Amino acid sequence: MQSDLKTNMPDQQQETLQEKTEMPSAKQVEYLSAKEKLKERRKPSSASWHLILMLGDVVLLVALFGLLYLFHKVPHVPTNLFGVREGKLMWVCLALVSWSLAVNITQSQQLSYAANRFKGPCCTFFALILMCVFWMFLSYILLGLNFMASAELELFFLGVAIPLYSIWRFLFAEIKHLPRFQVRAVIVGVNPAGETVAKEIKMSRSSSINVLGYIGDSGEEQTTFEGLPVLGDRDTLHYLIYHDMVDMIVMAVKYGSNHSLFKEATDAAQFGISVVPMEVVYESCGGKIPVEHVGDQWYVALQSERSTSLLYLFWKKALDLACGLFGLLILAVVTPVLALCIYLDSPGPIFYSQERVGYHGRTFRIYKFRSMRVDAEKKGQAIWASKTDSRVTRIGRFMRTTHLDELPQLFNILRGEMSLIGPRPERATFIKELEKTIPFYSHRHAVKPGLTGWAQVKYRYGNSDNDSLIKLQYDLYYIKRQSFMLDLFIILNTVIEVLFRKGV
């Protein structure tokens, strides 16, 4: 792309451009000479990856239909509707429609999920389950197929499809993460924002971004910054762009800080190079929003204009109702045992209630099994609970690590004060203090508080302002990105956390 531009230029302009694209120092040339060979490779675009993913899914689906025919698993469709031949074709068409619906709901063909070695197979698993539910329902409504006959066929289909699709999705994620397909990136801005996004990219296990180094936005000469080389300034960035040595430019500077550098970076977009704000990269890699760095881009931290779909709202309500009713059965079984243990370990009330702030800032009383001594707050002053809190009783410590102390909140869910998934409700005293120092803190009340949540499964127990800041980053990400699959991942992680006693 740049070579075409260069060829079409007059000789005088070419000489000027060559002078401009020379590296500022021999030291930078030495560092980047190892990267020079990378410019010759061409990586598939996001659209190409998405096409490969879709084609792979379709090929597998067609192969599975072939197996159904081979093993004579195609059902006999009543002739009074479409005729036998047309009926069988309609049955296959309904399968394709069901797959399309399931893929859209589970977002299993989104590259952010498909490129993850764990989320990719999980998304496909849920998509196949959902597909079979739709397939069975549509076959009954439109073709008059018996539920039991459909169930037998689709169990056979799932038994073959789940392992095949899981292997395919895992291989896709592995190939996507090969060094050959990694995205070469530079961070424009030697500052705290640049450091923050660099650390998040490095810590992300699913990121395919390879950070080459920083581009400085000031006149200060630095060789390294927080473990990464400082490659140079605007001239260096121009060299990287012109020689096709970078695929992504992460902007960690504001427009007004350095106009010429900002223009150099944004002009790279015309050559097919991704120019992305650090907030977007941070959100994508870490599953959280950097509220302390959004600055004028405040909209990054808030929900988009796109309203939540009615289908998702139905799913959310059905999930709350189902888990609330099922949880009450568990509560009825464990309450007598826990009540006796709580009383013998620390005489006093079995249950504990406390006022918390919920949806749209409305207060309500939350219920828990008591896990602390009766005199935990003698002076009536709110105190942060910690992982090694001496006020926690012996049975209380066990309940906290298994989250059994939270079970009475099922009543709050059934009463509509809480949801199964959402930000944890906090005390009004803490909220007033946190709102003074943490931007966007009150926005966590945009959804109902939850029994579990994205922040709970991604971060340890918090007992400080900094912990609250990090958990808010996760909460805002959930509020902004809430979806069917994100809810399922939270539930799955919560189950793992309870089984392995990873709680406080």
Protein backbone atom coordinates (compact mmCIF):
# COMPACT_ATOMS: atom_id res chain seq x y z
CA MET A 1 0.00 0.00 0.00
CA GLN A 2 2.75 2.48 0.92
CA SER A 3 4.92 1.22 -1.95
CA ASP A 4 2.13 2.07 -4.43
CA LEU A 5 1.96 5.55 -2.99
CA LYS A 6 5.71 5.93 -3.33
CA THR A 7 5.82 4.72 -6.94
CA ASN A 8 3.25 7.27 -8.10
CA MET A 9 5.19 10.22 -6.63
CA PRO A 10 7.51 12.53 -8.62
CA ASP A 11 11.26 11.89 -8.03
CA GLN A 12 11.67 15.06 -5.96
CA GLN A 13 8.82 14.10 -3.61
CA GLN A 14 10.23 10.58 -3.31
CA GLU A 15 13.60 11.97 -2.19
CA THR A 16 11.88 14.20 0.37
CA LEU A 17 9.84 11.28 1.67
CA GLN A 18 12.91 9.07 1.93
CA GLU A 19 14.69 11.72 3.96
CA LYS A 20 11.69 12.01 6.23
CA THR A 21 11.44 8.26 6.76
CA GLU A 22 15.05 7.73 7.80
CA MET A 23 15.40 6.52 11.37
CA PRO A 24 16.48 9.19 13.84
CA SER A 25 19.27 7.10 15.36
CA ALA A 26 21.43 4.05 14.65
CA LYS A 27 20.34 2.54 17.97
CA GLN A 28 16.72 2.42 16.86
CA VAL A 29 17.75 0.91 13.52
CA GLU A 30 19.61 -1.82 15.40
CA TYR A 31 16.57 -2.60 17.54
CA LEU A 32 14.12 -2.58 14.64
CA SER A 33 16.31 -4.48 12.16
CA ALA A 34 15.09 -7.71 13.73
CA LYS A 35 11.53 -6.55 13.11
CA GLU A 36 12.24 -5.53 9.49
CA LYS A 37 11.47 -8.98 8.07
CA LEU A 38 8.02 -8.87 9.60
CA LYS A 39 6.89 -6.30 7.05
CA GLU A 40 6.94 -8.89 4.29
CA ARG A 41 4.21 -11.00 5.85
CA ARG A 42 0.55 -10.32 5.25
CA LYS A 43 -1.90 -11.26 7.93
CA PRO A 44 -5.59 -11.92 7.39
CA SER A 45 -7.87 -9.01 8.28
CA SER A 46 -10.63 -9.31 10.88
CA ALA A 47 -13.13 -9.79 8.06
CA SER A 48 -11.01 -12.66 6.67
CA TRP A 49 -10.80 -14.34 10.07
CA HIS A 50 -14.54 -14.03 10.48
CA LEU A 51 -15.11 -15.53 7.04
CA ILE A 52 -12.78 -18.45 7.83
CA LEU A 53 -14.67 -19.04 11.09
CA MET A 54 -18.07 -19.02 9.40
CA LEU A 55 -16.92 -21.30 6.57
CA GLY A 56 -15.44 -23.76 9.06
CA ASP A 57 -18.71 -23.84 11.00
CA VAL A 58 -20.77 -24.38 7.84
CA VAL A 59 -18.48 -27.14 6.52
CA LEU A 60 -18.77 -29.00 9.84
CA LEU A 61 -22.54 -28.55 9.87
CA VAL A 62 -22.86 -29.96 6.34
CA ALA A 63 -20.58 -32.87 7.28
CA LEU A 64 -22.78 -33.62 10.29
CA PHE A 65 -25.90 -33.68 8.13
CA GLY A 66 -24.06 -36.12 5.87
CA LEU A 67 -23.42 -38.36 8.87
CA LEU A 68 -27.11 -38.25 9.79
CA TYR A 69 -28.01 -39.46 6.30
CA LEU A 70 -25.23 -42.06 6.37
CA PHE A 71 -26.50 -43.56 9.64
CA HIS A 72 -30.14 -43.26 8.52
CA LYS A 73 -30.92 -40.75 11.26
CA VAL A 74 -33.03 -38.47 9.07
CA PRO A 75 -36.62 -38.54 10.41
CA HIS A 76 -39.68 -39.55 8.44
CA VAL A 77 -41.64 -36.34 7.93
CA PRO A 78 -45.44 -36.64 7.61
CA THR A 79 -46.44 -36.42 3.95
CA ASN A 80 -49.57 -34.38 4.55
CA LEU A 81 -47.53 -31.21 5.08
CA PHE A 82 -44.80 -30.87 2.46
CA GLY A 83 -44.31 -34.34 1.00
CA VAL A 84 -41.52 -36.71 2.12
CA ARG A 85 -38.69 -35.27 0.01
CA GLU A 86 -39.56 -31.67 0.66
CA GLY A 87 -40.15 -32.43 4.32
CA LYS A 88 -36.63 -33.76 4.80
CA LEU A 89 -35.19 -30.73 3.07
CA MET A 90 -37.31 -28.50 5.29
CA TRP A 91 -35.97 -30.35 8.35
CA VAL A 92 -32.39 -29.53 7.29
CA CYS A 93 -33.36 -25.91 6.57
CA LEU A 94 -34.86 -25.61 10.06
CA ALA A 95 -31.55 -26.85 11.45
CA LEU A 96 -29.71 -24.07 9.60
CA VAL A 97 -32.19 -21.46 10.83
CA SER A 98 -31.82 -22.79 14.38
CA TRP A 99 -28.02 -22.63 14.12
CA SER A 100 -28.20 -19.04 12.87
CA LEU A 101 -30.45 -18.02 15.78
CA ALA A 102 -28.25 -19.79 18.32
CA VAL A 103 -25.06 -18.23 16.96
CA ASN A 104 -26.56 -14.74 17.15
CA ILE A 105 -27.78 -15.22 20.71
CA THR A 106 -24.55 -16.78 22.02
CA GLN A 107 -22.29 -14.50 19.92
CA SER A 108 -20.16 -17.59 19.24
CA GLN A 109 -18.92 -16.20 15.92
CA GLN A 110 -17.57 -13.01 17.44
CA LEU A 111 -13.79 -12.99 17.07
CA SER A 112 -13.31 -11.81 20.65
CA TYR A 113 -14.88 -15.08 21.85
CA ALA A 114 -13.70 -17.38 19.04
CA ALA A 115 -10.05 -16.33 19.48
CA ASN A 116 -10.13 -17.41 23.14
CA ARG A 117 -9.07 -21.02 23.77
CA PHE A 118 -11.62 -21.40 26.58
CA LYS A 119 -14.47 -19.14 25.49
CA GLY A 120 -14.45 -20.35 21.88
CA PRO A 121 -15.36 -24.00 22.64
CA CYS A 122 -17.71 -22.90 25.45
CA CYS A 123 -19.63 -20.54 23.15
CA THR A 124 -19.94 -23.30 20.57
CA PHE A 125 -21.17 -25.77 23.18
CA PHE A 126 -23.96 -23.43 24.29
CA ALA A 127 -24.77 -22.56 20.66
CA LEU A 128 -25.21 -26.25 19.78
CA ILE A 129 -27.45 -26.84 22.81
CA LEU A 130 -29.56 -23.81 21.97
CA MET A 131 -29.68 -24.83 18.30
CA CYS A 132 -31.13 -28.23 19.21
CA VAL A 133 -33.77 -26.62 21.43
CA PHE A 134 -34.89 -24.34 18.56
CA TRP A 135 -34.61 -27.19 16.05
CA MET A 136 -36.82 -29.49 18.11
CA PHE A 137 -39.39 -26.76 18.71
CA LEU A 138 -39.58 -25.65 15.06
CA SER A 139 -39.72 -29.25 13.82
CA TYR A 140 -42.70 -29.90 16.08
CA ILE A 141 -44.53 -26.70 15.08
CA LEU A 142 -43.87 -26.75 11.32
CA LEU A 143 -43.30 -30.42 10.52
CA GLY A 144 -45.32 -32.17 13.21
CA LEU A 145 -42.34 -34.28 14.33
CA ASN A 146 -42.73 -36.09 17.62
CA PHE A 147 -40.70 -34.59 20.48
CA MET A 148 -39.26 -37.97 21.52
CA ALA A 149 -38.18 -38.83 17.97
CA SER A 150 -36.56 -35.40 17.58
CA ALA A 151 -34.84 -35.70 20.94
CA GLU A 152 -33.27 -39.04 19.99
CA LEU A 153 -31.97 -37.66 16.69
CA GLU A 154 -30.62 -34.48 18.22
CA LEU A 155 -28.86 -36.31 21.05
CA PHE A 156 -27.03 -38.29 18.39
CA PHE A 157 -26.28 -35.01 16.58
CA LEU A 158 -24.96 -33.39 19.79
CA GLY A 159 -22.86 -36.43 20.65
CA VAL A 160 -20.95 -36.01 17.40
CA ALA A 161 -21.16 -32.21 17.00
CA ILE A 162 -19.90 -31.12 20.43
CA PRO A 163 -16.46 -32.81 20.27
CA LEU A 164 -15.97 -31.90 16.57
CA TYR A 165 -16.88 -28.25 17.05
CA SER A 166 -14.84 -28.01 20.26
CA ILE A 167 -11.73 -29.31 18.47
CA TRP A 168 -12.33 -26.97 15.52
CA ARG A 169 -12.79 -23.91 17.73
CA PHE A 170 -9.76 -24.75 19.87
CA LEU A 171 -7.61 -25.16 16.74
CA PHE A 172 -8.96 -21.86 15.37
CA ALA A 173 -7.96 -20.06 18.59
CA GLU A 174 -4.51 -21.71 18.54
CA ILE A 175 -3.90 -20.67 14.93
CA LYS A 176 -5.12 -17.13 15.65
CA HIS A 177 -2.50 -16.85 18.42
CA LEU A 178 0.44 -18.09 16.36
CA PRO A 179 3.30 -15.53 16.27
CA ARG A 180 2.82 -15.26 12.52
CA PHE A 181 -0.65 -13.76 13.03
CA GLN A 182 0.06 -11.54 16.03
CA VAL A 183 -0.80 -7.87 15.68
CA ARG A 184 2.30 -5.65 15.83
CA ALA A 185 1.49 -2.53 17.85
CA VAL A 186 3.12 0.60 19.18
CA ILE A 187 1.79 2.75 22.01
CA VAL A 188 1.83 6.49 21.36
CA GLY A 189 2.42 8.11 24.72
CA VAL A 190 5.13 7.56 27.33
CA ASN A 191 2.85 8.25 30.27
CA PRO A 192 0.71 6.48 32.91
CA ALA A 193 -2.07 5.76 30.38
CA GLY A 194 0.43 4.09 28.05
CA GLU A 195 1.91 2.10 30.92
CA THR A 196 -1.56 0.99 32.02
CA VAL A 197 -2.59 -0.37 28.62
CA ALA A 198 0.82 -2.01 28.08
CA LYS A 199 0.50 -3.93 31.35
CA GLU A 200 -3.05 -4.99 30.52
CA ILE A 201 -2.01 -6.31 27.10
CA LYS A 202 0.87 -8.22 28.69
CA MET A 203 -1.34 -9.77 31.38
CA SER A 204 -4.10 -10.74 28.96
CA ARG A 205 -3.89 -14.44 28.12
CA SER A 206 -6.19 -14.11 25.12
CA SER A 207 -4.60 -11.07 23.48
CA SER A 208 -2.86 -11.49 20.13
CA ILE A 209 -1.21 -8.05 20.33
CA ASN A 210 2.59 -7.84 20.34
CA VAL A 211 3.70 -4.43 21.62
CA LEU A 212 6.94 -3.35 19.93
CA GLY A 213 7.41 -0.32 22.19
CA TYR A 214 6.44 3.28 22.87
CA ILE A 215 6.43 6.36 20.70
CA GLY A 216 7.30 9.43 22.79
CA ASP A 217 5.08 12.48 22.83
CA SER A 218 7.58 14.86 24.40
CA GLY A 219 11.13 16.02 23.78
CA GLU A 220 12.60 13.95 26.61
CA GLU A 221 15.02 11.24 25.53
CA GLN A 222 14.30 7.81 27.02
CA THR A 223 15.46 4.37 26.00
CA THR A 224 12.99 2.29 28.01
CA PHE A 225 9.81 2.85 29.95
CA GLU A 226 8.37 0.23 32.31
CA GLY A 227 10.14 -2.66 30.59
CA LEU A 228 9.43 -1.67 26.96
CA PRO A 229 11.72 0.25 24.60
CA VAL A 230 10.97 3.84 23.70
CA LEU A 231 11.44 3.66 19.93
CA GLY A 232 11.53 7.37 19.26
CA ASP A 233 9.22 10.21 18.31
CA ARG A 234 7.11 11.26 15.33
CA ASP A 235 9.86 10.48 12.77
CA THR A 236 10.15 6.94 14.11
CA LEU A 237 6.40 6.45 13.90
CA HIS A 238 6.46 7.70 10.30
CA TYR A 239 9.24 5.20 9.50
CA LEU A 240 7.24 2.31 10.99
CA ILE A 241 4.13 3.27 9.05
CA TYR A 242 5.93 3.85 5.76
CA HIS A 243 7.84 0.55 5.97
CA ASP A 244 4.75 -1.46 6.94
CA MET A 245 6.20 -2.56 10.28
CA VAL A 246 3.17 -1.90 12.45
CA ASP A 247 -0.45 -3.11 12.32
CA MET A 248 -1.93 -1.14 15.20
CA ILE A 249 -1.30 2.21 16.85
CA VAL A 250 -2.61 2.52 20.40
CA MET A 251 -3.27 6.16 21.25
CA ALA A 252 -2.48 6.98 24.87
CA VAL A 253 -2.27 10.74 24.28
CA LYS A 254 -4.91 13.43 23.90
CA TYR A 255 -5.23 15.51 20.74
CA GLY A 256 -4.09 18.76 22.30
CA SER A 257 -0.87 17.37 23.78
CA ASN A 258 1.03 17.00 20.48
CA HIS A 259 -0.84 17.94 17.28
CA SER A 260 1.83 16.79 14.82
CA LEU A 261 2.30 13.39 16.47
CA PHE A 262 -1.44 12.89 16.74
CA LYS A 263 -1.88 13.72 13.04
CA GLU A 264 0.93 11.35 12.06
CA ALA A 265 -0.77 8.53 13.94
CA THR A 266 -4.29 9.16 12.68
CA ASP A 267 -3.07 9.54 9.08
CA ALA A 268 -1.93 5.91 9.28
CA ALA A 269 -5.56 4.79 9.16
CA GLN A 270 -5.65 5.45 5.39
CA PHE A 271 -3.02 2.71 4.95
CA GLY A 272 -5.14 0.08 6.67
CA ILE A 273 -3.43 0.42 10.06
CA SER A 274 -5.75 0.29 13.09
CA VAL A 275 -5.60 3.48 15.15
CA VAL A 276 -7.31 2.72 18.45
CA PRO A 277 -7.70 4.67 21.73
CA MET A 278 -6.06 3.01 24.72
CA GLU A 279 -9.46 2.81 26.44
CA VAL A 280 -10.79 0.48 23.73
CA VAL A 281 -7.73 -1.80 23.82
CA TYR A 282 -7.78 -1.88 27.62
CA GLU A 283 -11.47 -2.81 27.62
CA SER A 284 -10.98 -5.53 25.01
CA CYS A 285 -7.94 -7.13 26.68
CA GLY A 286 -8.89 -6.82 30.33
CA GLY A 287 -12.68 -7.06 30.34
CA LYS A 288 -12.86 -3.81 32.28
CA ILE A 289 -13.03 -0.07 31.66
CA PRO A 290 -10.20 2.30 32.71
CA VAL A 291 -12.38 4.91 34.39
CA GLU A 292 -9.36 6.86 35.65
CA HIS A 293 -8.05 7.36 32.10
CA VAL A 294 -11.19 8.03 30.03
CA GLY A 295 -10.93 11.81 30.42
CA ASP A 296 -12.98 13.58 27.76
CA GLN A 297 -14.00 10.21 26.31
CA TRP A 298 -16.46 9.72 29.17
CA TYR A 299 -18.88 7.86 26.88
CA VAL A 300 -16.48 4.88 26.90
CA ALA A 301 -17.47 4.17 30.50
CA LEU A 302 -21.22 4.33 29.94
CA GLN A 303 -23.78 2.14 28.24
CA SER A 304 -24.10 2.62 24.51
CA GLU A 305 -27.28 3.99 22.99
CA ARG A 306 -28.24 0.48 21.93
CA SER A 307 -30.99 -0.64 24.28
CA THR A 308 -30.98 -4.08 25.81
CA SER A 309 -32.97 -6.52 23.67
CA LEU A 310 -36.30 -7.88 24.83
CA LEU A 311 -34.97 -11.42 24.38
CA TYR A 312 -32.11 -10.72 26.79
CA LEU A 313 -34.46 -9.10 29.31
CA PHE A 314 -36.66 -12.20 29.12
CA TRP A 315 -33.60 -14.42 29.65
CA LYS A 316 -32.51 -12.32 32.63
CA LYS A 317 -35.93 -12.47 34.27
CA ALA A 318 -36.33 -16.18 33.61
CA LEU A 319 -32.85 -16.83 35.02
CA ASP A 320 -33.62 -14.87 38.20
CA LEU A 321 -36.93 -16.65 38.69
CA ALA A 322 -35.55 -20.15 38.00
CA CYS A 323 -32.47 -19.70 40.21
CA GLY A 324 -34.52 -18.06 42.95
CA LEU A 325 -37.03 -20.92 43.14
CA PHE A 326 -34.39 -23.65 42.80
CA GLY A 327 -32.21 -21.88 45.36
CA LEU A 328 -35.04 -21.87 47.89
CA LEU A 329 -35.07 -25.67 47.79
CA ILE A 330 -31.34 -25.72 48.57
CA LEU A 331 -31.88 -23.11 51.27
CA ALA A 332 -34.58 -25.25 52.90
CA VAL A 333 -32.13 -28.17 53.08
CA VAL A 334 -29.03 -26.36 54.37
CA THR A 335 -30.64 -23.82 56.73
CA PRO A 336 -31.24 -26.20 59.69
CA VAL A 337 -27.65 -27.47 59.55
CA LEU A 338 -26.08 -24.02 59.13
CA ALA A 339 -28.33 -22.50 61.79
CA LEU A 340 -27.16 -25.05 64.36
CA CYS A 341 -23.49 -24.56 63.40
CA ILE A 342 -23.76 -20.77 63.55
CA TYR A 343 -25.42 -20.82 66.97
CA LEU A 344 -22.96 -23.31 68.49
CA ASP A 345 -19.95 -21.44 67.11
CA SER A 346 -21.13 -17.96 68.13
CA PRO A 347 -24.41 -17.53 70.05
CA GLY A 348 -26.66 -14.90 68.54
CA PRO A 349 -29.05 -14.44 65.61
CA ILE A 350 -28.77 -16.84 62.67
CA PHE A 351 -29.52 -14.27 60.01
CA TYR A 352 -28.01 -10.85 59.48
CA SER A 353 -29.59 -7.97 57.60
CA GLN A 354 -28.11 -4.70 56.45
CA GLU A 355 -29.26 -1.75 54.40
CA ARG A 356 -27.69 -1.56 50.95
CA VAL A 357 -28.06 0.68 47.90
CA GLY A 358 -29.56 -0.94 44.82
CA TYR A 359 -31.17 -0.19 41.48
CA HIS A 360 -31.34 3.55 40.69
CA GLY A 361 -30.00 4.34 44.14
CA ARG A 362 -32.96 2.85 46.03
CA THR A 363 -32.13 1.31 49.39
CA PHE A 364 -33.23 -2.13 50.52
CA ARG A 365 -32.34 -4.65 53.21
CA ILE A 366 -30.02 -7.47 52.21
CA TYR A 367 -30.16 -10.81 54.06
CA LYS A 368 -27.25 -13.15 54.86
CA PHE A 369 -26.33 -15.93 57.24
CA ARG A 370 -24.38 -14.30 60.04
CA SER A 371 -20.65 -14.93 59.52
CA MET A 372 -19.23 -12.47 62.10
CA ARG A 373 -19.42 -12.01 65.84
CA VAL A 374 -22.46 -10.16 67.16
CA ASP A 375 -20.23 -7.25 68.29
CA ALA A 376 -18.49 -6.89 64.90
CA GLU A 377 -19.27 -3.14 64.79
CA LYS A 378 -19.49 -2.07 68.41
CA LYS A 379 -19.44 1.66 67.74
CA GLY A 380 -21.88 1.41 64.86
CA GLN A 381 -19.20 2.59 62.44
CA ALA A 382 -19.02 0.89 59.03
CA ILE A 383 -15.77 -1.07 58.64
CA TRP A 384 -14.43 -2.77 55.51
CA ALA A 385 -14.38 -6.55 55.79
CA SER A 386 -11.04 -8.15 54.89
CA LYS A 387 -9.89 -11.62 53.87
CA THR A 388 -8.25 -12.26 57.23
CA ASP A 389 -10.86 -10.38 59.29
CA SER A 390 -10.63 -11.41 62.95
CA ARG A 391 -14.35 -10.69 63.40
CA VAL A 392 -15.29 -13.65 61.19
CA THR A 393 -16.29 -16.80 63.08
CA ARG A 394 -15.00 -20.30 62.25
CA ILE A 395 -18.20 -21.41 60.54
CA GLY A 396 -18.43 -17.92 59.04
CA ARG A 397 -15.06 -18.38 57.32
CA PHE A 398 -16.27 -21.63 55.77
CA MET A 399 -19.50 -20.01 54.62
CA ARG A 400 -17.60 -17.12 53.04
CA THR A 401 -15.21 -19.35 51.09
CA THR A 402 -18.18 -21.33 49.73
CA HIS A 403 -20.49 -18.26 49.51
CA LEU A 404 -23.15 -20.10 51.51
CA ASP A 405 -23.64 -16.97 53.62
CA GLU A 406 -25.14 -15.27 50.55
CA LEU A 407 -27.95 -17.82 50.04
CA PRO A 408 -30.67 -15.85 51.92
CA GLN A 409 -30.33 -13.15 49.23
CA LEU A 410 -32.44 -15.42 47.06
CA PHE A 411 -35.39 -13.78 48.81
CA ASN A 412 -34.09 -10.41 47.56
CA ILE A 413 -33.94 -11.83 44.02
CA LEU A 414 -37.51 -13.15 44.15
CA ARG A 415 -38.71 -9.80 45.53
CA GLY A 416 -37.11 -8.01 42.57
CA GLU A 417 -34.60 -6.05 44.67
CA MET A 418 -31.64 -7.98 43.26
CA SER A 419 -30.72 -10.08 40.25
CA LEU A 420 -28.63 -13.24 40.07
CA ILE A 421 -25.91 -11.35 38.15
CA GLY A 422 -24.90 -7.75 38.64
CA PRO A 423 -22.65 -5.47 40.73
CA ARG A 424 -22.58 -6.32 44.43
CA PRO A 425 -24.79 -3.94 46.47
CA GLU A 426 -22.75 -1.66 48.71
CA ARG A 427 -23.47 0.26 51.89
CA ALA A 428 -24.53 3.90 51.55
CA THR A 429 -21.71 5.06 53.86
CA PHE A 430 -19.03 3.56 51.62
CA ILE A 431 -20.74 4.80 48.45
CA LYS A 432 -20.73 8.42 49.60
CA GLU A 433 -16.97 8.25 50.22
CA LEU A 434 -16.15 6.35 47.03
CA GLU A 435 -18.16 8.73 44.82
CA LYS A 436 -15.88 11.56 45.94
CA THR A 437 -12.73 9.92 44.57
CA ILE A 438 -13.83 7.42 41.89
CA PRO A 439 -15.42 8.73 38.66
CA PHE A 440 -18.61 7.07 37.40
CA TYR A 441 -19.05 5.13 40.66
CA SER A 442 -22.78 5.85 40.85
CA HIS A 443 -23.28 4.36 37.36
CA ARG A 444 -23.08 0.86 38.85
CA HIS A 445 -26.66 1.48 40.03
CA ALA A 446 -27.85 1.49 36.38
CA VAL A 447 -28.70 -2.22 36.77
CA LYS A 448 -29.96 -4.31 39.65
CA PRO A 449 -27.29 -5.50 42.08
CA GLY A 450 -26.42 -9.18 41.86
CA LEU A 451 -25.72 -12.23 43.97
CA THR A 452 -22.65 -12.76 41.80
CA GLY A 453 -21.09 -10.66 39.07
CA TRP A 454 -18.25 -10.03 36.64
CA ALA A 455 -16.21 -8.20 39.28
CA GLN A 456 -16.71 -11.03 41.80
CA VAL A 457 -15.37 -13.73 39.47
CA LYS A 458 -12.54 -11.62 38.01
CA TYR A 459 -11.12 -9.95 41.11
CA ARG A 460 -10.35 -10.84 44.69
CA TYR A 461 -12.27 -9.54 47.69
CA GLY A 462 -11.94 -5.76 47.97
CA ASN A 463 -11.38 -3.80 51.16
CA SER A 464 -9.87 -0.51 49.99
CA ASP A 465 -10.55 2.40 47.65
CA ASN A 466 -8.17 0.96 45.04
CA ASP A 467 -9.94 -2.41 45.15
CA SER A 468 -13.26 -0.60 44.72
CA LEU A 469 -11.85 1.22 41.69
CA ILE A 470 -10.77 -2.03 40.01
CA LYS A 471 -14.07 -3.74 40.79
CA LEU A 472 -15.94 -0.73 39.37
CA GLN A 473 -13.97 -1.17 36.13
CA TYR A 474 -15.34 -4.71 35.87
CA ASP A 475 -18.86 -3.67 36.89
CA LEU A 476 -19.01 -0.96 34.23
CA TYR A 477 -17.80 -3.46 31.62
CA TYR A 478 -20.64 -5.80 32.57
CA ILE A 479 -23.23 -3.01 32.48
CA LYS A 480 -22.00 -1.95 29.05
CA ARG A 481 -21.56 -5.46 27.57
CA GLN A 482 -24.18 -7.55 29.38
CA SER A 483 -25.25 -10.48 27.22
CA PHE A 484 -26.41 -14.08 27.28
CA MET A 485 -22.86 -15.46 26.95
CA LEU A 486 -21.33 -13.10 29.49
CA ASP A 487 -23.96 -14.21 32.02
CA LEU A 488 -23.17 -17.86 31.32
CA PHE A 489 -19.44 -17.27 31.79
CA ILE A 490 -20.11 -15.57 35.12
CA ILE A 491 -22.29 -18.47 36.27
CA LEU A 492 -19.67 -21.01 35.19
CA ASN A 493 -16.88 -19.13 36.97
CA THR A 494 -19.04 -18.76 40.09
CA VAL A 495 -19.67 -22.51 40.21
CA ILE A 496 -15.91 -23.16 39.89
CA GLU A 497 -15.20 -20.61 42.62
CA VAL A 498 -17.71 -22.24 45.00
CA LEU A 499 -16.51 -25.78 44.31
CA PHE A 500 -12.85 -24.86 44.85
CA ARG A 501 -13.60 -22.51 47.74
CA LYS A 502 -11.91 -19.49 46.19
CA GLY A 503 -14.09 -16.99 48.04
CA VAL A 504 -13.09 -14.85 50.99
